């Protein structure tokens, strides 16, 4: 069967998966004009123009303006097109990386929010938490009248300098050192951090006492007091930092007073100091046969 070589504007629009109006506009600005016009002044296109139209569509997808595409089309050479395509591939790679970063962020936000939907906010739990990838800031400087706002700005600046390819749109949380927790100095965090699957640092794996409370940013001392009392009353001791987060915040909650705060303090079972009395007591709990042996 003989291949069709000439198309009316309506047929070519179907062939090129576009609209008649688009072709009329391209003709008007001199970007893609019909190869001929009939006696009735109808526009006719050749099948060879499909490749040109597809290139226009591809370059438009990359973000090139019609004016830029027209200049390229009117002055095209293999070398020039090769250079343009190389630049567009680099631009596309950047877009892909940005989209992948955005997908990771959205997945993290969704997972974080979903995990809080059925929790018992009044309960205090002790559970093992695996290590998680984070970006951890340097020790915050609160000298010379600096506050937590100044420290956070420094954190963002440092992250941008050290990790220019990292997405800095992740929510930022605070970490308190073991020493600060013990003396209950819990106003401003020692360091800031955010979760990032590509982060070079780790949130420590271990046993954590975890509790929740409702309230705005920084209104945390009551929850710390509850957790520390729980630790003392249950034969535990602090052995690492505390991580302070707001898994439900302005992203999904209308009023600040209803933000959900989560505090996780790293703990272990308290080591009992052995004295002659405790050793004797432990020996008396052994089975009689083992004591005779």
C-alpha atoms as a PDB file:
ATOM      1  CA  UNK A   1       0.000   0.000   0.000  1.00  0.00           C
ATOM      2  CA  UNK A   2       1.382   3.383  -0.960  1.00  0.00           C
ATOM      3  CA  UNK A   3       2.382   5.524   2.018  1.00  0.00           C
ATOM      4  CA  UNK A   4       0.356   8.687   2.359  1.00  0.00           C
ATOM      5  CA  UNK A   5       2.556  11.748   1.809  1.00  0.00           C
ATOM      6  CA  UNK A   6       0.190  14.725   2.084  1.00  0.00           C
ATOM      7  CA  UNK A   7      -2.260  15.437   4.922  1.00  0.00           C
ATOM      8  CA  UNK A   8      -4.923  18.043   5.418  1.00  0.00           C
ATOM      9  CA  UNK A   9      -4.467  20.122   8.552  1.00  0.00           C
ATOM     10  CA  UNK A  10      -7.139  18.097  10.374  1.00  0.00           C
ATOM     11  CA  UNK A  11      -5.571  14.754   9.403  1.00  0.00           C
ATOM     12  CA  UNK A  12      -2.072  15.954  10.271  1.00  0.00           C
ATOM     13  CA  UNK A  13      -3.316  17.114  13.683  1.00  0.00           C
ATOM     14  CA  UNK A  14      -4.579  13.582  14.340  1.00  0.00           C
ATOM     15  CA  UNK A  15      -1.375  12.092  12.976  1.00  0.00           C
ATOM     16  CA  UNK A  16       0.764  14.325  15.229  1.00  0.00           C
ATOM     17  CA  UNK A  17      -1.534  13.930  18.262  1.00  0.00           C
ATOM     18  CA  UNK A  18      -2.130  17.661  18.517  1.00  0.00           C
ATOM     19  CA  UNK A  19      -4.869  20.145  17.710  1.00  0.00           C
ATOM     20  CA  UNK A  20      -5.762  22.129  14.628  1.00  0.00           C
ATOM     21  CA  UNK A  21      -5.475  25.363  16.631  1.00  0.00           C
ATOM     22  CA  UNK A  22      -1.893  24.514  17.610  1.00  0.00           C
ATOM     23  CA  UNK A  23      -0.932  24.011  13.970  1.00  0.00           C
ATOM     24  CA  UNK A  24      -2.622  27.279  12.980  1.00  0.00           C
ATOM     25  CA  UNK A  25      -0.655  29.112  15.684  1.00  0.00           C
ATOM     26  CA  UNK A  26       2.647  27.541  14.624  1.00  0.00           C
ATOM     27  CA  UNK A  27       1.930  28.587  11.033  1.00  0.00           C
ATOM     28  CA  UNK A  28       1.084  32.139  12.133  1.00  0.00           C
ATOM     29  CA  UNK A  29       4.404  32.613  13.980  1.00  0.00           C
ATOM     30  CA  UNK A  30       6.418  30.901  11.242  1.00  0.00           C
ATOM     31  CA  UNK A  31       7.456  27.915  13.338  1.00  0.00           C
ATOM     32  CA  UNK A  32       5.848  25.160  11.259  1.00  0.00           C
ATOM     33  CA  UNK A  33       4.048  26.079   8.066  1.00  0.00           C
ATOM     34  CA  UNK A  34       2.282  23.741   5.617  1.00  0.00           C
ATOM     35  CA  UNK A  35       4.239  22.520   2.621  1.00  0.00           C
ATOM     36  CA  UNK A  36       1.511  23.727   0.290  1.00  0.00           C
ATOM     37  CA  UNK A  37      -1.946  25.200   0.009  1.00  0.00           C
ATOM     38  CA  UNK A  38      -4.677  23.906  -2.238  1.00  0.00           C
ATOM     39  CA  UNK A  39      -6.849  25.881  -4.643  1.00  0.00           C
ATOM     40  CA  UNK A  40      -9.314  26.230  -1.800  1.00  0.00           C
ATOM     41  CA  UNK A  41      -6.473  27.720   0.351  1.00  0.00           C
ATOM     42  CA  UNK A  42      -6.509  24.649   2.614  1.00  0.00           C
ATOM     43  CA  UNK A  43      -3.237  23.855   4.392  1.00  0.00           C
ATOM     44  CA  UNK A  44      -1.451  20.603   3.578  1.00  0.00           C
ATOM     45  CA  UNK A  45       1.396  18.989   5.523  1.00  0.00           C
ATOM     46  CA  UNK A  46       3.867  16.282   4.575  1.00  0.00           C
ATOM     47  CA  UNK A  47       4.608  13.194   6.638  1.00  0.00           C
ATOM     48  CA  UNK A  48       8.208  14.398   6.811  1.00  0.00           C
ATOM     49  CA  UNK A  49       7.056  17.321   8.963  1.00  0.00           C
ATOM     50  CA  UNK A  50       6.056  14.940  11.741  1.00  0.00           C
ATOM     51  CA  UNK A  51       9.682  14.671  12.903  1.00  0.00           C
ATOM     52  CA  UNK A  52       9.956  18.460  13.099  1.00  0.00           C
ATOM     53  CA  UNK A  53       6.695  18.689  15.033  1.00  0.00           C
ATOM     54  CA  UNK A  54       7.814  15.992  17.481  1.00  0.00           C
ATOM     55  CA  UNK A  55      11.087  17.841  18.059  1.00  0.00           C
ATOM     56  CA  UNK A  56       9.159  21.037  18.776  1.00  0.00           C
ATOM     57  CA  UNK A  57       6.988  19.174  21.288  1.00  0.00           C
ATOM     58  CA  UNK A  58      10.038  17.614  22.956  1.00  0.00           C
ATOM     59  CA  UNK A  59      11.847  20.930  23.289  1.00  0.00           C
ATOM     60  CA  UNK A  60       8.688  22.531  24.671  1.00  0.00           C
ATOM     61  CA  UNK A  61       8.563  19.763  27.278  1.00  0.00           C
ATOM     62  CA  UNK A  62      12.115  20.701  28.269  1.00  0.00           C
ATOM     63  CA  UNK A  63      10.969  24.277  28.843  1.00  0.00           C
ATOM     64  CA  UNK A  64      12.203  26.015  25.698  1.00  0.00           C
ATOM     65  CA  UNK A  65      10.062  28.883  24.449  1.00  0.00           C
ATOM     66  CA  UNK A  66       8.577  28.873  20.964  1.00  0.00           C
ATOM     67  CA  UNK A  67      10.813  31.824  20.059  1.00  0.00           C
ATOM     68  CA  UNK A  68      13.926  29.858  21.073  1.00  0.00           C
ATOM     69  CA  UNK A  69      12.757  26.805  19.136  1.00  0.00           C
ATOM     70  CA  UNK A  70      12.107  28.961  16.056  1.00  0.00           C
ATOM     71  CA  UNK A  71      15.636  30.412  16.172  1.00  0.00           C
ATOM     72  CA  UNK A  72      17.051  26.902  16.457  1.00  0.00           C
ATOM     73  CA  UNK A  73      14.896  25.599  13.613  1.00  0.00           C
ATOM     74  CA  UNK A  74      15.886  28.431  11.286  1.00  0.00           C
ATOM     75  CA  UNK A  75      19.614  28.085  12.008  1.00  0.00           C
ATOM     76  CA  UNK A  76      19.934  24.396  12.729  1.00  0.00           C
ATOM     77  CA  UNK A  77      23.090  22.445  12.081  1.00  0.00           C
ATOM     78  CA  UNK A  78      24.091  19.030  13.450  1.00  0.00           C
ATOM     79  CA  UNK A  79      26.627  20.678  15.795  1.00  0.00           C
ATOM     80  CA  UNK A  80      24.131  23.250  17.107  1.00  0.00           C
ATOM     81  CA  UNK A  81      21.376  20.673  17.639  1.00  0.00           C
ATOM     82  CA  UNK A  82      23.839  18.351  19.376  1.00  0.00           C
ATOM     83  CA  UNK A  83      24.802  21.143  21.777  1.00  0.00           C
ATOM     84  CA  UNK A  84      21.165  22.098  22.440  1.00  0.00           C
ATOM     85  CA  UNK A  85      20.185  18.485  23.097  1.00  0.00           C
ATOM     86  CA  UNK A  86      23.139  18.023  25.449  1.00  0.00           C
ATOM     87  CA  UNK A  87      22.062  21.077  27.463  1.00  0.00           C
ATOM     88  CA  UNK A  88      18.475  19.878  27.569  1.00  0.00           C
ATOM     89  CA  UNK A  89      19.518  16.410  28.764  1.00  0.00           C
ATOM     90  CA  UNK A  90      21.448  18.033  31.642  1.00  0.00           C
ATOM     91  CA  UNK A  91      18.406  20.166  32.434  1.00  0.00           C
ATOM     92  CA  UNK A  92      16.192  17.069  32.359  1.00  0.00           C
ATOM     93  CA  UNK A  93      18.554  15.189  34.682  1.00  0.00           C
ATOM     94  CA  UNK A  94      18.288  18.054  37.174  1.00  0.00           C
ATOM     95  CA  UNK A  95      14.505  17.945  36.967  1.00  0.00           C
ATOM     96  CA  UNK A  96      14.501  14.184  37.517  1.00  0.00           C
ATOM     97  CA  UNK A  97      16.722  14.529  40.585  1.00  0.00           C
ATOM     98  CA  UNK A  98      14.495  17.278  41.953  1.00  0.00           C
ATOM     99  CA  UNK A  99      11.410  15.118  41.417  1.00  0.00           C
ATOM    100  CA  UNK A 100      13.073  12.171  43.149  1.00  0.00           C
ATOM    101  CA  UNK A 101      13.956  14.392  46.117  1.00  0.00           C
ATOM    102  CA  UNK A 102      10.380  15.678  46.200  1.00  0.00           C
ATOM    103  CA  UNK A 103       9.028  12.134  46.120  1.00  0.00           C
ATOM    104  CA  UNK A 104      11.219  11.172  49.084  1.00  0.00           C
ATOM    105  CA  UNK A 105       9.984  14.196  51.018  1.00  0.00           C
ATOM    106  CA  UNK A 106       6.330  13.470  50.275  1.00  0.00           C
ATOM    107  CA  UNK A 107       6.768   9.805  51.214  1.00  0.00           C
ATOM    108  CA  UNK A 108       8.415  10.779  54.503  1.00  0.00           C
ATOM    109  CA  UNK A 109       5.628  13.241  55.352  1.00  0.00           C
ATOM    110  CA  UNK A 110       2.939  10.690  54.471  1.00  0.00           C
ATOM    111  CA  UNK A 111       4.612   7.946  56.531  1.00  0.00           C
ATOM    112  CA  UNK A 112       5.096  10.275  59.503  1.00  0.00           C
ATOM    113  CA  UNK A 113       1.493  11.490  59.503  1.00  0.00           C
ATOM    114  CA  UNK A 114       0.012   8.042  58.919  1.00  0.00           C
ATOM    115  CA  UNK A 115       1.995   6.535  61.809  1.00  0.00           C
ATOM    116  CA  UNK A 116       0.385   8.970  64.275  1.00  0.00           C
ATOM    117  CA  UNK A 117      -3.256   8.419  63.352  1.00  0.00           C
ATOM    118  CA  UNK A 118      -3.959   5.595  65.812  1.00  0.00           C
ATOM    119  CA  UNK A 119      -1.474   6.210  68.621  1.00  0.00           C
ATOM    120  CA  UNK A 120      -2.438   6.450  72.283  1.00  0.00           C
ATOM    121  CA  UNK A 121      -1.313   9.999  73.036  1.00  0.00           C
ATOM    122  CA  UNK A 122      -1.523   9.501  76.813  1.00  0.00           C
ATOM    123  CA  UNK A 123       0.632   6.379  76.908  1.00  0.00           C
ATOM    124  CA  UNK A 124       4.341   6.289  77.624  1.00  0.00           C
ATOM    125  CA  UNK A 125       6.081   3.434  75.852  1.00  0.00           C
ATOM    126  CA  UNK A 126       9.508   1.810  75.907  1.00  0.00           C
ATOM    127  CA  UNK A 127      10.468   0.446  72.523  1.00  0.00           C
ATOM    128  CA  UNK A 128      13.476  -0.343  70.398  1.00  0.00           C
ATOM    129  CA  UNK A 129      13.976   2.032  67.479  1.00  0.00           C
ATOM    130  CA  UNK A 130      16.353   1.236  64.607  1.00  0.00           C
ATOM    131  CA  UNK A 131      18.946   3.683  63.338  1.00  0.00           C
ATOM    132  CA  UNK A 132      17.617   6.221  60.837  1.00  0.00           C
ATOM    133  CA  UNK A 133      19.449   8.419  58.324  1.00  0.00           C
ATOM    134  CA  UNK A 134      19.477  12.087  59.304  1.00  0.00           C
ATOM    135  CA  UNK A 135      21.339  15.296  58.617  1.00  0.00           C
ATOM    136  CA  UNK A 136      22.684  16.441  62.000  1.00  0.00           C
ATOM    137  CA  UNK A 137      23.853  19.982  62.607  1.00  0.00           C
ATOM    138  CA  UNK A 138      26.834  21.184  64.583  1.00  0.00           C
ATOM    139  CA  UNK A 139      26.553  22.080  68.266  1.00  0.00           C
ATOM    140  CA  UNK A 140      24.344  25.171  68.512  1.00  0.00           C
ATOM    141  CA  UNK A 141      25.983  28.423  69.574  1.00  0.00           C
ATOM    142  CA  UNK A 142      23.873  30.410  72.045  1.00  0.00           C
ATOM    143  CA  UNK A 143      26.587  32.860  73.042  1.00  0.00           C
ATOM    144  CA  UNK A 144      26.468  36.646  72.581  1.00  0.00           C
ATOM    145  CA  UNK A 145      22.681  36.791  72.916  1.00  0.00           C
ATOM    146  CA  UNK A 146      21.950  34.271  70.166  1.00  0.00           C
ATOM    147  CA  UNK A 147      18.684  32.328  70.476  1.00  0.00           C
ATOM    148  CA  UNK A 148      17.232  29.206  68.884  1.00  0.00           C
ATOM    149  CA  UNK A 149      16.081  31.189  65.833  1.00  0.00           C
ATOM    150  CA  UNK A 150      19.659  32.343  65.176  1.00  0.00           C
ATOM    151  CA  UNK A 151      20.893  28.779  65.701  1.00  0.00           C
ATOM    152  CA  UNK A 152      18.393  27.395  63.213  1.00  0.00           C
ATOM    153  CA  UNK A 153      19.417  29.943  60.574  1.00  0.00           C
ATOM    154  CA  UNK A 154      23.021  28.838  61.076  1.00  0.00           C
ATOM    155  CA  UNK A 155      21.912  25.212  60.729  1.00  0.00           C
ATOM    156  CA  UNK A 156      20.263  25.901  57.356  1.00  0.00           C
ATOM    157  CA  UNK A 157      23.256  27.902  56.166  1.00  0.00           C
ATOM    158  CA  UNK A 158      25.718  25.183  57.191  1.00  0.00           C
ATOM    159  CA  UNK A 159      23.607  22.461  55.531  1.00  0.00           C
ATOM    160  CA  UNK A 160      23.490  24.446  52.305  1.00  0.00           C
ATOM    161  CA  UNK A 161      27.260  24.903  52.373  1.00  0.00           C
ATOM    162  CA  UNK A 162      28.076  21.282  53.221  1.00  0.00           C
ATOM    163  CA  UNK A 163      25.345  19.517  51.259  1.00  0.00           C
ATOM    164  CA  UNK A 164      24.371  21.748  48.298  1.00  0.00           C
ATOM    165  CA  UNK A 165      22.568  18.853  46.595  1.00  0.00           C
ATOM    166  CA  UNK A 166      20.348  18.043  49.588  1.00  0.00           C
ATOM    167  CA  UNK A 167      16.703  19.043  49.739  1.00  0.00           C
ATOM    168  CA  UNK A 168      16.363  21.436  52.696  1.00  0.00           C
ATOM    169  CA  UNK A 169      12.562  21.314  52.742  1.00  0.00           C
ATOM    170  CA  UNK A 170      12.419  18.533  55.338  1.00  0.00           C
ATOM    171  CA  UNK A 171      10.970  19.445  58.774  1.00  0.00           C
ATOM    172  CA  UNK A 172      13.687  20.320  61.296  1.00  0.00           C
ATOM    173  CA  UNK A 173      13.708  18.960  64.864  1.00  0.00           C
ATOM    174  CA  UNK A 174      15.817  19.342  67.999  1.00  0.00           C
ATOM    175  CA  UNK A 175      18.192  17.030  69.841  1.00  0.00           C
ATOM    176  CA  UNK A 176      19.166  17.390  73.523  1.00  0.00           C
ATOM    177  CA  UNK A 177      22.306  15.831  74.965  1.00  0.00           C
ATOM    178  CA  UNK A 178      22.230  13.341  77.821  1.00  0.00           C
ATOM    179  CA  UNK A 179      23.855  15.931  80.103  1.00  0.00           C
ATOM    180  CA  UNK A 180      21.213  18.552  79.314  1.00  0.00           C
ATOM    181  CA  UNK A 181      18.404  16.071  80.003  1.00  0.00           C
ATOM    182  CA  UNK A 182      19.869  15.023  83.346  1.00  0.00           C
ATOM    183  CA  UNK A 183      19.999  18.588  84.608  1.00  0.00           C
ATOM    184  CA  UNK A 184      16.611  19.342  82.982  1.00  0.00           C
ATOM    185  CA  UNK A 185      17.969  22.232  80.938  1.00  0.00           C
ATOM    186  CA  UNK A 186      15.464  21.853  78.110  1.00  0.00           C
ATOM    187  CA  UNK A 187      14.867  25.312  76.683  1.00  0.00           C
ATOM    188  CA  UNK A 188      16.833  25.257  73.403  1.00  0.00           C
ATOM    189  CA  UNK A 189      18.229  22.122  71.729  1.00  0.00           C
ATOM    190  CA  UNK A 190      21.918  21.292  71.483  1.00  0.00           C
ATOM    191  CA  UNK A 191      21.606  20.452  67.810  1.00  0.00           C
ATOM    192  CA  UNK A 192      19.088  20.495  64.989  1.00  0.00           C
ATOM    193  CA  UNK A 193      18.469  17.647  62.570  1.00  0.00           C
ATOM    194  CA  UNK A 194      16.143  16.455  59.867  1.00  0.00           C
ATOM    195  CA  UNK A 195      15.390  13.027  58.443  1.00  0.00           C
ATOM    196  CA  UNK A 196      16.766  12.411  54.980  1.00  0.00           C
ATOM    197  CA  UNK A 197      17.173   8.992  53.307  1.00  0.00           C
ATOM    198  CA  UNK A 198      20.521  10.182  51.919  1.00  0.00           C
ATOM    199  CA  UNK A 199      21.741  11.727  55.180  1.00  0.00           C
ATOM    200  CA  UNK A 200      25.311  11.006  56.266  1.00  0.00           C
ATOM    201  CA  UNK A 201      24.490  10.916  59.988  1.00  0.00           C
ATOM    202  CA  UNK A 202      22.440   8.448  62.021  1.00  0.00           C
ATOM    203  CA  UNK A 203      19.790   8.768  64.671  1.00  0.00           C
ATOM    204  CA  UNK A 204      21.077   6.213  67.155  1.00  0.00           C
ATOM    205  CA  UNK A 205      19.503   2.768  67.344  1.00  0.00           C
ATOM    206  CA  UNK A 206      18.442   1.706  70.801  1.00  0.00           C
ATOM    207  CA  UNK A 207      15.779   1.596  73.494  1.00  0.00           C
ATOM    208  CA  UNK A 208      13.679   4.751  73.792  1.00  0.00           C
ATOM    209  CA  UNK A 209      11.091   5.993  76.254  1.00  0.00           C
ATOM    210  CA  UNK A 210       8.549   7.790  74.103  1.00  0.00           C
ATOM    211  CA  UNK A 211       5.676  10.092  74.988  1.00  0.00           C
ATOM    212  CA  UNK A 212       3.288  12.516  73.304  1.00  0.00           C
ATOM    213  CA  UNK A 213       1.606  15.814  74.106  1.00  0.00           C
ATOM    214  CA  UNK A 214      -0.412  18.477  72.315  1.00  0.00           C
ATOM    215  CA  UNK A 215       0.855  22.025  72.042  1.00  0.00           C
ATOM    216  CA  UNK A 216       2.820  24.541  70.037  1.00  0.00           C
ATOM    217  CA  UNK A 217       6.528  24.639  69.385  1.00  0.00           C
ATOM    218  CA  UNK A 218       8.682  24.866  72.482  1.00  0.00           C
ATOM    219  CA  UNK A 219       5.944  24.002  74.988  1.00  0.00           C
ATOM    220  CA  UNK A 220       7.563  20.734  76.031  1.00  0.00           C
ATOM    221  CA  UNK A 221       8.727  20.795  79.639  1.00  0.00           C
ATOM    222  CA  UNK A 222       5.671  19.070  81.067  1.00  0.00           C
ATOM    223  CA  UNK A 223       6.196  16.071  78.796  1.00  0.00           C
ATOM    224  CA  UNK A 224       9.897  15.867  79.642  1.00  0.00           C
ATOM    225  CA  UNK A 225       8.994  15.820  83.339  1.00  0.00           C
ATOM    226  CA  UNK A 226       6.533  12.954  82.797  1.00  0.00           C
ATOM    227  CA  UNK A 227       9.100  10.945  80.850  1.00  0.00           C
ATOM    228  CA  UNK A 228      11.882  11.503  83.369  1.00  0.00           C
ATOM    229  CA  UNK A 229       9.591  10.473  86.243  1.00  0.00           C
ATOM    230  CA  UNK A 230       8.661   7.344  84.257  1.00  0.00           C
ATOM    231  CA  UNK A 231      12.326   6.516  83.717  1.00  0.00           C
ATOM    232  CA  UNK A 232      13.103   6.851  87.426  1.00  0.00           C
ATOM    233  CA  UNK A 233      10.084   4.777  88.451  1.00  0.00           C
ATOM    234  CA  UNK A 234      10.730   1.877  86.069  1.00  0.00           C
ATOM    235  CA  UNK A 235      14.321   0.902  86.710  1.00  0.00           C
ATOM    236  CA  UNK A 236      15.703   2.730  83.687  1.00  0.00           C
ATOM    237  CA  UNK A 237      18.433   5.281  83.177  1.00  0.00           C
ATOM    238  CA  UNK A 238      19.276   7.764  80.446  1.00  0.00           C
ATOM    239  CA  UNK A 239      22.105   6.622  78.199  1.00  0.00           C
ATOM    240  CA  UNK A 240      21.891   8.921  75.199  1.00  0.00           C
ATOM    241  CA  UNK A 241      20.204  11.946  73.650  1.00  0.00           C
ATOM    242  CA  UNK A 242      16.563  12.974  73.454  1.00  0.00           C
ATOM    243  CA  UNK A 243      14.929  13.659  70.109  1.00  0.00           C
ATOM    244  CA  UNK A 244      12.116  16.218  70.042  1.00  0.00           C
ATOM    245  CA  UNK A 245       9.750  16.206  67.048  1.00  0.00           C
ATOM    246  CA  UNK A 246       6.336  17.442  65.947  1.00  0.00           C
ATOM    247  CA  UNK A 247       5.032  14.735  63.592  1.00  0.00           C
ATOM    248  CA  UNK A 248       1.669  16.522  63.291  1.00  0.00           C
ATOM    249  CA  UNK A 249       2.277  20.226  62.764  1.00  0.00           C
ATOM    250  CA  UNK A 250       1.205  23.097  60.494  1.00  0.00           C
ATOM    251  CA  UNK A 251       1.358  20.820  57.470  1.00  0.00           C
ATOM    252  CA  UNK A 252      -1.783  18.959  58.560  1.00  0.00           C
ATOM    253  CA  UNK A 253      -3.148  20.713  61.689  1.00  0.00           C
ATOM    254  CA  UNK A 254      -5.016  24.017  61.704  1.00  0.00           C
ATOM    255  CA  UNK A 255      -4.271  25.381  65.172  1.00  0.00           C
ATOM    256  CA  UNK A 256      -0.838  25.422  66.805  1.00  0.00           C
ATOM    257  CA  UNK A 257      -2.244  24.364  70.160  1.00  0.00           C
ATOM    258  CA  UNK A 258      -3.203  21.026  68.563  1.00  0.00           C
ATOM    259  CA  UNK A 259       0.228  20.183  67.141  1.00  0.00           C
ATOM    260  CA  UNK A 260       1.385  16.750  68.254  1.00  0.00           C
ATOM    261  CA  UNK A 261       4.723  16.668  70.066  1.00  0.00           C
ATOM    262  CA  UNK A 262       6.781  13.487  70.365  1.00  0.00           C
ATOM    263  CA  UNK A 263       9.806  13.150  72.648  1.00  0.00           C
ATOM    264  CA  UNK A 264      12.073  10.100  72.549  1.00  0.00           C
ATOM    265  CA  UNK A 265      14.735   9.659  75.235  1.00  0.00           C
ATOM    266  CA  UNK A 266      17.367   6.953  74.840  1.00  0.00           C
ATOM    267  CA  UNK A 267      17.490   4.641  77.886  1.00  0.00           C
ATOM    268  CA  UNK A 268      18.752   1.318  79.212  1.00  0.00           C
ATOM    269  CA  UNK A 269      18.003  -0.819  82.223  1.00  0.00           C
ATOM    270  CA  UNK A 270      19.543   0.679  85.327  1.00  0.00           C
ATOM    271  CA  UNK A 271      22.692  -1.048  86.441  1.00  0.00           C
ATOM    272  CA  UNK A 272      22.337  -2.271  90.042  1.00  0.00           C
ATOM    273  CA  UNK A 273      25.428  -1.758  92.166  1.00  0.00           C
ATOM    274  CA  UNK A 274      26.358  -5.049  93.816  1.00  0.00           C
ATOM    275  CA  UNK A 275      26.865  -5.018  97.596  1.00  0.00           C
ATOM    276  CA  UNK A 276      27.357  -8.006  99.935  1.00  0.00           C
ATOM    277  CA  UNK A 277      23.672  -7.790 100.844  1.00  0.00           C
ATOM    278  CA  UNK A 278      22.455  -7.755  97.217  1.00  0.00           C
ATOM    279  CA  UNK A 279      24.791 -10.634  96.319  1.00  0.00           C
ATOM    280  CA  UNK A 280      23.472 -12.684  99.280  1.00  0.00           C
ATOM    281  CA  UNK A 281      19.906 -11.837  98.275  1.00  0.00           C
ATOM    282  CA  UNK A 282      20.586 -12.949  94.679  1.00  0.00           C
ATOM    283  CA  UNK A 283      22.203 -16.193  95.945  1.00  0.00           C
ATOM    284  CA  UNK A 284      19.146 -16.997  98.048  1.00  0.00           C
ATOM    285  CA  UNK A 285      16.991 -16.833  94.937  1.00  0.00           C
ATOM    286  CA  UNK A 286      18.963 -19.617  93.259  1.00  0.00           C
ATOM    287  CA  UNK A 287      17.550 -23.159  93.195  1.00  0.00           C
ATOM    288  CA  UNK A 288      18.668 -25.247  96.208  1.00  0.00           C
ATOM    289  CA  UNK A 289      20.632 -27.698  94.055  1.00  0.00           C
ATOM    290  CA  UNK A 290      22.711 -24.866  92.513  1.00  0.00           C
ATOM    291  CA  UNK A 291      23.370 -23.404  95.969  1.00  0.00           C
ATOM    292  CA  UNK A 292      24.668 -26.820  97.218  1.00  0.00           C
ATOM    293  CA  UNK A 293      26.838 -27.216  94.151  1.00  0.00           C
END
